[in-house]
């Protein structure tokens, strides 16, 4: 290898390849919600994870193009709702732009006042801790204020562009 070859940057991986390969990673599906001056707001988010036990932190990554994340950021507190199997309709509803995302949705205030969707596997009441640049997304770190789960429910999974795991495995 010549000195010039050693300084050639590696090729950039395109979005299509990223989506295709990383689609093999199974993720859960969340809806992040808050209540602001205009009422309840929320968005679907697959990029969610536990981050730290001490202090208790979680992370998620809304798209920079999200018109809903700024509303939740301004509220300062929000609830991460981990969707249950059979709630793919809620995922789709909260993923849409420009519609009343809460139309027909049953929810109650969480202990800290954010919308907690009925029938979810788990909920995590949080407050904004920090934000970081994540390319075409914003990486949000949130401090956990309260949380709970219903162990009788099974989480909604997303794999290879579809909801659920078994159907994707049978096709592939």
N, C-alpha and C. Protein backbone atom coordinates (compact mmCIF):
# COMPACT_ATOMS: atom_id res chain seq x y z
N UNK A 1 0.85 -1.16 0.00
CA UNK A 1 0.00 0.00 0.00
C UNK A 1 0.90 1.24 0.00
N UNK A 2 0.57 2.18 -0.87
CA UNK A 2 1.35 3.42 -0.94
C UNK A 2 0.83 4.41 0.11
N UNK A 3 1.60 5.46 0.36
CA UNK A 3 1.19 6.49 1.31
C UNK A 3 -0.10 7.17 0.85
N UNK A 4 -0.24 7.36 -0.49
CA UNK A 4 -1.47 7.98 -1.01
C UNK A 4 -2.68 7.08 -0.77
N UNK A 5 -2.53 5.78 -0.95
CA UNK A 5 -3.63 4.84 -0.73
C UNK A 5 -4.04 4.79 0.74
N UNK A 6 -3.10 4.97 1.63
CA UNK A 6 -3.41 4.93 3.06
C UNK A 6 -4.24 6.12 3.50
N UNK A 7 -4.21 7.22 2.75
CA UNK A 7 -4.94 8.43 3.12
C UNK A 7 -6.27 8.58 2.38
N UNK A 8 -6.64 7.60 1.59
CA UNK A 8 -7.92 7.64 0.88
C UNK A 8 -9.02 7.28 1.88
N UNK A 9 -10.01 8.16 2.04
CA UNK A 9 -11.08 7.85 2.99
C UNK A 9 -11.90 6.65 2.49
N UNK A 10 -12.45 5.89 3.43
CA UNK A 10 -13.26 4.75 3.02
C UNK A 10 -14.53 5.23 2.31
N UNK A 11 -15.09 4.41 1.44
CA UNK A 11 -16.32 4.82 0.74
C UNK A 11 -17.46 5.01 1.75
N UNK A 12 -18.34 5.94 1.43
CA UNK A 12 -19.50 6.20 2.27
C UNK A 12 -20.58 5.16 1.97
N UNK A 13 -21.16 4.62 3.03
CA UNK A 13 -22.25 3.65 2.88
C UNK A 13 -23.53 4.42 2.62
N UNK A 14 -24.26 4.05 1.60
CA UNK A 14 -25.49 4.74 1.24
C UNK A 14 -26.67 4.37 2.13
N UNK A 15 -27.70 5.23 2.17
CA UNK A 15 -28.87 5.00 3.00
C UNK A 15 -29.59 3.68 2.69
N UNK A 16 -29.63 3.29 1.40
CA UNK A 16 -30.33 2.07 1.04
C UNK A 16 -29.65 0.85 1.65
N UNK A 17 -28.32 0.83 1.59
CA UNK A 17 -27.56 -0.30 2.16
C UNK A 17 -27.72 -0.31 3.68
N UNK A 18 -27.64 0.86 4.30
CA UNK A 18 -27.82 0.95 5.75
C UNK A 18 -29.19 0.38 6.15
N UNK A 19 -30.25 0.81 5.46
CA UNK A 19 -31.60 0.36 5.78
C UNK A 19 -31.72 -1.15 5.58
N UNK A 20 -31.16 -1.65 4.49
CA UNK A 20 -31.26 -3.08 4.19
C UNK A 20 -30.54 -3.94 5.23
N UNK A 21 -29.32 -3.57 5.57
CA UNK A 21 -28.54 -4.38 6.50
C UNK A 21 -29.05 -4.21 7.93
N UNK A 22 -29.25 -2.96 8.36
CA UNK A 22 -29.67 -2.74 9.74
C UNK A 22 -31.12 -3.11 9.99
N UNK A 23 -31.88 -3.31 8.92
CA UNK A 23 -33.25 -3.81 9.05
C UNK A 23 -33.29 -5.22 9.62
N UNK A 24 -32.16 -5.90 9.63
CA UNK A 24 -32.08 -7.23 10.22
C UNK A 24 -32.02 -7.18 11.74
N UNK A 25 -31.79 -5.99 12.29
CA UNK A 25 -31.81 -5.81 13.74
C UNK A 25 -33.25 -5.60 14.17
N UNK A 26 -33.73 -6.42 15.07
CA UNK A 26 -35.11 -6.31 15.55
C UNK A 26 -35.19 -5.17 16.55
N UNK A 27 -36.17 -4.32 16.37
CA UNK A 27 -36.38 -3.24 17.34
C UNK A 27 -37.80 -3.27 17.86
N UNK A 28 -37.97 -2.70 19.03
CA UNK A 28 -39.30 -2.44 19.53
C UNK A 28 -39.80 -1.16 18.91
N UNK A 29 -41.03 -0.81 19.21
CA UNK A 29 -41.62 0.41 18.66
C UNK A 29 -42.17 1.23 19.82
N UNK A 30 -41.82 2.50 19.85
CA UNK A 30 -42.32 3.38 20.89
C UNK A 30 -43.08 4.55 20.28
N UNK A 31 -43.93 5.14 21.10
CA UNK A 31 -44.55 6.42 20.78
C UNK A 31 -44.19 7.35 21.93
N UNK A 32 -43.52 8.45 21.61
CA UNK A 32 -43.11 9.42 22.61
C UNK A 32 -44.16 10.53 22.62
N UNK A 33 -44.69 10.84 23.82
CA UNK A 33 -45.81 11.77 23.95
C UNK A 33 -45.53 12.85 25.00
N UNK A 34 -46.19 13.97 24.85
CA UNK A 34 -46.12 15.05 25.83
C UNK A 34 -47.39 15.89 25.68
N UNK A 35 -47.60 16.74 26.67
CA UNK A 35 -48.70 17.69 26.59
C UNK A 35 -48.12 19.09 26.59
N UNK A 36 -48.50 19.85 25.58
CA UNK A 36 -48.03 21.23 25.45
C UNK A 36 -49.19 22.19 25.45
N UNK A 37 -48.94 23.43 25.15
CA UNK A 37 -50.00 24.44 25.12
C UNK A 37 -51.12 24.12 24.12
N UNK A 38 -50.76 23.44 23.03
CA UNK A 38 -51.75 23.09 22.00
C UNK A 38 -52.42 21.75 22.28
N UNK A 39 -52.09 21.11 23.41
CA UNK A 39 -52.68 19.81 23.74
C UNK A 39 -51.67 18.70 23.58
N UNK A 40 -52.15 17.46 23.54
CA UNK A 40 -51.23 16.32 23.45
C UNK A 40 -50.56 16.23 22.09
N UNK A 41 -49.30 15.78 22.10
CA UNK A 41 -48.53 15.60 20.88
C UNK A 41 -47.70 14.33 21.03
N UNK A 42 -47.34 13.71 19.91
CA UNK A 42 -46.51 12.51 19.99
C UNK A 42 -46.03 12.07 18.63
N UNK A 43 -45.05 11.17 18.64
CA UNK A 43 -44.52 10.63 17.39
C UNK A 43 -44.01 9.21 17.63
N UNK A 44 -44.02 8.41 16.58
CA UNK A 44 -43.49 7.05 16.61
C UNK A 44 -41.98 7.10 16.53
N UNK A 45 -41.31 6.25 17.32
CA UNK A 45 -39.85 6.23 17.35
C UNK A 45 -39.35 4.81 17.58
N UNK A 46 -38.59 4.28 16.64
CA UNK A 46 -37.99 2.96 16.80
C UNK A 46 -36.61 3.05 17.41
N UNK A 47 -35.97 4.19 17.28
CA UNK A 47 -34.61 4.36 17.80
C UNK A 47 -34.69 4.73 19.27
N UNK A 48 -34.84 3.72 20.11
CA UNK A 48 -34.98 3.91 21.55
C UNK A 48 -34.13 2.87 22.27
N UNK A 49 -33.51 3.27 23.38
CA UNK A 49 -32.78 2.29 24.19
C UNK A 49 -32.59 2.79 25.60
N UNK A 50 -32.35 1.85 26.49
CA UNK A 50 -31.92 2.15 27.84
C UNK A 50 -30.48 2.62 27.73
N UNK A 51 -30.08 3.60 28.52
CA UNK A 51 -28.73 4.14 28.41
C UNK A 51 -27.92 3.98 29.69
N UNK A 52 -28.51 4.30 30.84
CA UNK A 52 -27.77 4.28 32.09
C UNK A 52 -28.69 3.93 33.24
N UNK A 53 -28.16 3.17 34.19
CA UNK A 53 -28.93 2.85 35.40
C UNK A 53 -28.72 3.89 36.48
N UNK A 54 -27.52 4.51 36.52
CA UNK A 54 -27.22 5.48 37.56
C UNK A 54 -26.41 6.63 36.97
N UNK A 55 -27.01 7.74 36.62
CA UNK A 55 -28.42 8.05 36.82
C UNK A 55 -29.29 7.30 35.81
N UNK A 56 -30.58 7.18 36.10
CA UNK A 56 -31.46 6.46 35.17
C UNK A 56 -31.71 7.29 33.91
N UNK A 57 -31.16 6.81 32.78
CA UNK A 57 -31.28 7.53 31.52
C UNK A 57 -31.74 6.60 30.40
N UNK A 58 -32.51 7.15 29.47
CA UNK A 58 -32.87 6.47 28.23
C UNK A 58 -32.47 7.38 27.08
N UNK A 59 -32.43 6.84 25.88
CA UNK A 59 -32.11 7.63 24.69
C UNK A 59 -33.05 7.27 23.56
N UNK A 60 -33.36 8.25 22.74
CA UNK A 60 -34.12 8.01 21.51
C UNK A 60 -33.68 9.04 20.49
N UNK A 61 -34.06 8.81 19.23
CA UNK A 61 -33.54 9.66 18.16
C UNK A 61 -34.64 10.06 17.17
N UNK A 62 -35.28 11.21 17.39
CA UNK A 62 -36.24 11.70 16.40
C UNK A 62 -35.53 12.26 15.17
N UNK A 63 -36.19 12.16 14.04
CA UNK A 63 -35.64 12.73 12.81
C UNK A 63 -35.54 14.25 12.94
N UNK A 64 -34.52 14.81 12.33
CA UNK A 64 -34.37 16.28 12.35
C UNK A 64 -35.56 16.95 11.67
N UNK A 65 -36.21 16.25 10.76
CA UNK A 65 -37.36 16.80 10.04
C UNK A 65 -38.65 16.74 10.86
N UNK A 66 -38.62 16.13 12.03
CA UNK A 66 -39.81 16.00 12.86
C UNK A 66 -40.35 17.37 13.25
N UNK A 67 -41.65 17.56 13.04
CA UNK A 67 -42.30 18.79 13.50
C UNK A 67 -42.85 18.60 14.91
N UNK A 68 -42.90 17.35 15.36
CA UNK A 68 -43.45 17.06 16.68
C UNK A 68 -42.38 17.15 17.77
N UNK A 69 -41.15 16.69 17.48
CA UNK A 69 -40.12 16.72 18.51
C UNK A 69 -39.94 18.11 19.13
N UNK A 70 -39.91 19.21 18.36
CA UNK A 70 -39.76 20.53 18.99
C UNK A 70 -40.86 20.83 20.03
N UNK A 71 -42.07 20.34 19.79
CA UNK A 71 -43.16 20.53 20.76
C UNK A 71 -42.86 19.78 22.06
N UNK A 72 -42.36 18.54 21.93
CA UNK A 72 -42.04 17.75 23.11
C UNK A 72 -40.83 18.34 23.84
N UNK A 73 -39.84 18.80 23.07
CA UNK A 73 -38.66 19.44 23.67
C UNK A 73 -39.11 20.63 24.51
N UNK A 74 -40.01 21.45 23.95
CA UNK A 74 -40.48 22.63 24.68
C UNK A 74 -41.23 22.24 25.94
N UNK A 75 -41.94 21.13 25.92
CA UNK A 75 -42.66 20.66 27.11
C UNK A 75 -41.67 20.25 28.20
N UNK A 76 -40.50 19.73 27.78
CA UNK A 76 -39.46 19.35 28.73
C UNK A 76 -39.63 18.00 29.36
N UNK A 77 -40.85 17.53 29.46
CA UNK A 77 -41.16 16.20 30.01
C UNK A 77 -42.01 15.45 29.00
N UNK A 78 -41.80 14.14 28.94
CA UNK A 78 -42.52 13.33 27.97
C UNK A 78 -42.58 11.90 28.48
N UNK A 79 -43.43 11.12 27.84
CA UNK A 79 -43.59 9.71 28.19
C UNK A 79 -43.25 8.86 26.98
N UNK A 80 -42.37 7.89 27.17
CA UNK A 80 -42.05 6.93 26.12
C UNK A 80 -42.98 5.74 26.34
N UNK A 81 -43.86 5.47 25.37
CA UNK A 81 -44.81 4.38 25.43
C UNK A 81 -44.28 3.23 24.57
N UNK A 82 -43.98 2.09 25.18
CA UNK A 82 -43.49 0.92 24.45
C UNK A 82 -44.73 0.16 23.97
N UNK A 83 -44.93 0.13 22.65
CA UNK A 83 -46.14 -0.46 22.09
C UNK A 83 -46.17 -1.97 22.25
N UNK A 84 -47.39 -2.48 22.37
CA UNK A 84 -47.63 -3.91 22.51
C UNK A 84 -47.96 -4.53 21.16
N UNK A 85 -47.72 -5.83 21.07
CA UNK A 85 -48.13 -6.57 19.89
C UNK A 85 -49.61 -6.26 19.64
N UNK A 86 -49.95 -6.00 18.40
CA UNK A 86 -51.33 -5.65 18.07
C UNK A 86 -51.57 -4.15 18.04
N UNK A 87 -50.56 -3.35 18.34
CA UNK A 87 -50.72 -1.90 18.31
C UNK A 87 -50.02 -1.25 17.12
N UNK A 88 -49.86 -2.01 16.04
CA UNK A 88 -49.21 -1.46 14.84
C UNK A 88 -50.02 -0.30 14.27
N UNK A 89 -51.35 -0.30 14.48
CA UNK A 89 -52.17 0.82 14.03
C UNK A 89 -51.79 2.11 14.75
N UNK A 90 -51.47 2.02 16.04
CA UNK A 90 -51.01 3.20 16.78
C UNK A 90 -49.67 3.69 16.25
N UNK A 91 -48.79 2.75 15.96
CA UNK A 91 -47.49 3.11 15.39
C UNK A 91 -47.69 3.90 14.10
N UNK A 92 -48.54 3.40 13.22
CA UNK A 92 -48.79 4.07 11.94
C UNK A 92 -49.46 5.43 12.15
N UNK A 93 -50.39 5.51 13.08
CA UNK A 93 -51.12 6.75 13.33
C UNK A 93 -50.18 7.84 13.83
N UNK A 94 -49.27 7.50 14.74
CA UNK A 94 -48.36 8.50 15.29
C UNK A 94 -47.16 8.78 14.36
N UNK A 95 -47.01 7.99 13.32
CA UNK A 95 -45.94 8.22 12.34
C UNK A 95 -46.37 9.23 11.27
N UNK A 96 -47.68 9.47 11.14
CA UNK A 96 -48.20 10.37 10.11
C UNK A 96 -47.97 11.83 10.50
N UNK A 97 -47.74 12.64 9.50
CA UNK A 97 -47.62 14.09 9.71
C UNK A 97 -48.93 14.77 9.39
N UNK A 98 -49.19 15.86 10.08
CA UNK A 98 -50.31 16.71 9.74
C UNK A 98 -51.68 16.21 10.10
N UNK A 99 -51.79 15.18 10.91
CA UNK A 99 -53.11 14.68 11.29
C UNK A 99 -53.26 14.77 12.81
N UNK A 100 -54.49 14.62 13.28
CA UNK A 100 -54.73 14.57 14.72
C UNK A 100 -54.33 13.18 15.19
N UNK A 101 -53.12 13.07 15.68
CA UNK A 101 -52.56 11.77 16.05
C UNK A 101 -53.31 11.13 17.22
N UNK A 102 -53.98 11.91 18.02
CA UNK A 102 -54.68 11.38 19.19
C UNK A 102 -56.15 11.06 18.91
N UNK A 103 -56.62 11.26 17.67
CA UNK A 103 -58.01 10.97 17.32
C UNK A 103 -58.31 9.49 17.58
N UNK A 104 -59.28 9.23 18.45
CA UNK A 104 -59.70 7.87 18.75
C UNK A 104 -58.74 7.09 19.64
N UNK A 105 -57.69 7.73 20.16
CA UNK A 105 -56.69 7.06 20.98
C UNK A 105 -57.05 7.20 22.45
N UNK A 106 -57.09 6.08 23.14
CA UNK A 106 -57.40 6.08 24.57
C UNK A 106 -56.10 6.24 25.36
N UNK A 107 -56.09 7.21 26.27
CA UNK A 107 -54.90 7.47 27.08
C UNK A 107 -55.30 8.13 28.39
N UNK A 108 -54.36 8.14 29.31
CA UNK A 108 -54.53 8.79 30.60
C UNK A 108 -53.23 9.52 30.92
N UNK A 109 -53.29 10.53 31.78
CA UNK A 109 -52.05 11.21 32.15
C UNK A 109 -51.13 10.29 32.96
N UNK A 110 -49.86 10.31 32.63
CA UNK A 110 -48.86 9.58 33.40
C UNK A 110 -48.69 10.29 34.75
N UNK A 111 -47.93 9.72 35.66
CA UNK A 111 -47.71 10.41 36.94
C UNK A 111 -47.16 11.83 36.80
N UNK A 112 -46.44 12.11 35.72
CA UNK A 112 -45.90 13.46 35.51
C UNK A 112 -46.67 14.24 34.45
N UNK A 113 -47.86 13.73 34.05
CA UNK A 113 -48.78 14.48 33.21
C UNK A 113 -48.72 14.26 31.72
N UNK A 114 -47.81 13.45 31.22
CA UNK A 114 -47.74 13.20 29.78
C UNK A 114 -48.72 12.09 29.40
N UNK A 115 -49.18 12.08 28.15
CA UNK A 115 -50.10 11.02 27.73
C UNK A 115 -49.46 9.63 27.81
N UNK A 116 -50.12 8.75 28.56
CA UNK A 116 -49.72 7.35 28.66
C UNK A 116 -50.80 6.56 27.90
N UNK A 117 -50.39 5.95 26.80
CA UNK A 117 -51.34 5.26 25.92
C UNK A 117 -51.83 3.97 26.56
N UNK A 118 -53.13 3.69 26.41
CA UNK A 118 -53.70 2.46 26.96
C UNK A 118 -53.16 1.23 26.24
N UNK A 119 -52.92 0.18 27.00
CA UNK A 119 -52.55 -1.11 26.43
C UNK A 119 -51.08 -1.29 26.08
N UNK A 120 -50.22 -0.35 26.48
CA UNK A 120 -48.80 -0.48 26.14
C UNK A 120 -48.12 -1.50 27.05
N UNK A 121 -46.98 -2.00 26.60
CA UNK A 121 -46.17 -2.95 27.38
C UNK A 121 -45.51 -2.24 28.55
N UNK A 122 -45.00 -1.03 28.29
CA UNK A 122 -44.30 -0.28 29.32
C UNK A 122 -44.41 1.21 29.01
N UNK A 123 -44.19 2.00 30.04
CA UNK A 123 -44.16 3.45 29.88
C UNK A 123 -43.01 3.99 30.72
N UNK A 124 -42.38 5.04 30.20
CA UNK A 124 -41.24 5.65 30.87
C UNK A 124 -41.46 7.16 30.88
N UNK A 125 -41.79 7.72 32.05
CA UNK A 125 -41.90 9.16 32.21
C UNK A 125 -40.50 9.73 32.30
N UNK A 126 -40.20 10.75 31.51
CA UNK A 126 -38.83 11.26 31.42
C UNK A 126 -38.82 12.77 31.29
N UNK A 127 -37.64 13.34 31.54
CA UNK A 127 -37.43 14.76 31.26
C UNK A 127 -36.15 14.91 30.45
N UNK A 128 -36.12 15.93 29.63
CA UNK A 128 -34.98 16.16 28.76
C UNK A 128 -33.72 16.35 29.59
N UNK A 129 -32.66 15.59 29.24
CA UNK A 129 -31.36 15.68 29.91
C UNK A 129 -30.36 16.36 28.98
N UNK A 130 -30.29 15.91 27.71
CA UNK A 130 -29.34 16.48 26.75
C UNK A 130 -29.76 16.10 25.33
N UNK A 131 -29.24 16.85 24.36
CA UNK A 131 -29.43 16.55 22.94
C UNK A 131 -28.07 16.60 22.26
N UNK A 132 -27.91 15.74 21.24
CA UNK A 132 -26.65 15.67 20.50
C UNK A 132 -26.96 15.54 19.01
N UNK A 133 -26.00 15.98 18.19
CA UNK A 133 -26.12 15.84 16.75
C UNK A 133 -26.01 14.37 16.39
N UNK A 134 -26.96 13.88 15.63
CA UNK A 134 -26.95 12.51 15.15
C UNK A 134 -27.18 12.44 13.67
N UNK A 135 -26.53 13.29 12.90
CA UNK A 135 -26.71 13.27 11.45
C UNK A 135 -28.09 13.76 11.08
N UNK A 136 -28.88 12.92 10.41
CA UNK A 136 -30.23 13.33 10.04
C UNK A 136 -31.23 13.14 11.18
N UNK A 137 -30.73 12.77 12.36
CA UNK A 137 -31.55 12.63 13.57
C UNK A 137 -30.92 13.44 14.71
N UNK A 138 -31.68 13.67 15.73
CA UNK A 138 -31.19 14.26 16.97
C UNK A 138 -31.16 13.14 18.01
N UNK A 139 -30.06 13.01 18.72
CA UNK A 139 -29.97 12.01 19.79
C UNK A 139 -30.41 12.70 21.07
N UNK A 140 -31.50 12.20 21.64
CA UNK A 140 -32.07 12.77 22.85
C UNK A 140 -31.75 11.84 24.01
N UNK A 141 -31.20 12.40 25.07
CA UNK A 141 -30.99 11.65 26.32
C UNK A 141 -31.97 12.22 27.33
N UNK A 142 -32.70 11.33 27.98
CA UNK A 142 -33.73 11.74 28.92
C UNK A 142 -33.54 11.05 30.27
N UNK A 143 -33.76 11.80 31.33
CA UNK A 143 -33.69 11.26 32.69
C UNK A 143 -35.03 10.63 33.03
N UNK A 144 -35.00 9.40 33.52
CA UNK A 144 -36.23 8.68 33.88
C UNK A 144 -36.73 9.21 35.22
N UNK A 145 -38.01 9.60 35.24
CA UNK A 145 -38.65 10.10 36.45
C UNK A 145 -39.52 9.04 37.11
N UNK A 146 -40.13 8.19 36.29
CA UNK A 146 -41.02 7.12 36.77
C UNK A 146 -41.23 6.17 35.60
N UNK A 147 -41.59 4.94 35.89
CA UNK A 147 -41.83 3.98 34.82
C UNK A 147 -42.62 2.80 35.34
N UNK A 148 -43.18 2.03 34.42
CA UNK A 148 -43.94 0.85 34.78
C UNK A 148 -44.11 -0.05 33.57
N UNK A 149 -44.52 -1.29 33.84
CA UNK A 149 -44.68 -2.27 32.75
C UNK A 149 -45.81 -3.22 33.08
N UNK A 150 -46.35 -3.83 32.04
CA UNK A 150 -47.36 -4.88 32.16
C UNK A 150 -46.75 -6.15 31.56
N UNK A 151 -46.24 -7.03 32.41
CA UNK A 151 -45.54 -8.24 31.97
C UNK A 151 -46.45 -9.22 31.23
N UNK A 152 -47.74 -9.01 31.27
CA UNK A 152 -48.67 -9.90 30.55
C UNK A 152 -48.69 -9.60 29.05
N UNK A 153 -48.18 -8.44 28.68
CA UNK A 153 -48.20 -8.04 27.27
C UNK A 153 -46.87 -8.35 26.60
N UNK A 154 -46.94 -8.54 25.28
CA UNK A 154 -45.77 -8.81 24.44
C UNK A 154 -45.50 -7.56 23.60
N UNK A 155 -44.23 -7.17 23.42
CA UNK A 155 -43.95 -5.95 22.67
C UNK A 155 -44.18 -6.09 21.17
N UNK A 156 -44.52 -4.97 20.55
CA UNK A 156 -44.60 -4.88 19.09
C UNK A 156 -43.18 -4.83 18.55
N UNK A 157 -42.86 -5.71 17.63
CA UNK A 157 -41.51 -5.77 17.06
C UNK A 157 -41.54 -5.26 15.62
N UNK A 158 -40.41 -4.69 15.20
CA UNK A 158 -40.24 -4.24 13.83
C UNK A 158 -38.97 -4.87 13.28
N UNK A 159 -39.09 -5.53 12.12
CA UNK A 159 -37.98 -6.29 11.56
C UNK A 159 -38.11 -6.33 10.04
N UNK A 160 -37.04 -5.99 9.35
CA UNK A 160 -36.99 -6.02 7.89
C UNK A 160 -38.16 -5.27 7.24
N UNK A 161 -38.49 -4.11 7.81
CA UNK A 161 -39.50 -3.26 7.22
C UNK A 161 -40.93 -3.63 7.53
N UNK A 162 -41.15 -4.61 8.42
CA UNK A 162 -42.50 -5.05 8.75
C UNK A 162 -42.66 -5.19 10.26
N UNK A 163 -43.90 -5.17 10.70
CA UNK A 163 -44.18 -5.43 12.11
C UNK A 163 -44.18 -6.92 12.35
N UNK A 164 -43.66 -7.33 13.46
CA UNK A 164 -43.62 -8.74 13.83
C UNK A 164 -42.37 -9.41 13.32
N UNK A 165 -42.06 -10.51 13.95
CA UNK A 165 -40.82 -11.22 13.62
C UNK A 165 -41.10 -12.46 12.78
N UNK A 166 -42.10 -13.19 13.12
CA UNK A 166 -42.35 -14.47 12.45
C UNK A 166 -42.64 -14.31 10.96
N UNK A 167 -43.45 -13.32 10.58
CA UNK A 167 -43.77 -13.16 9.16
C UNK A 167 -42.52 -12.83 8.35
N UNK A 168 -41.65 -12.01 8.90
CA UNK A 168 -40.41 -11.66 8.19
C UNK A 168 -39.51 -12.88 8.06
N UNK A 169 -39.44 -13.70 9.08
CA UNK A 169 -38.59 -14.90 9.03
C UNK A 169 -39.13 -15.92 8.02
N UNK A 170 -40.44 -16.06 7.96
CA UNK A 170 -41.05 -17.01 7.03
C UNK A 170 -40.84 -16.59 5.58
N UNK A 171 -40.83 -15.27 5.33
CA UNK A 171 -40.63 -14.77 3.97
C UNK A 171 -39.18 -14.93 3.51
N UNK A 172 -38.25 -14.82 4.49
CA UNK A 172 -36.86 -14.71 4.14
C UNK A 172 -36.11 -15.94 3.98
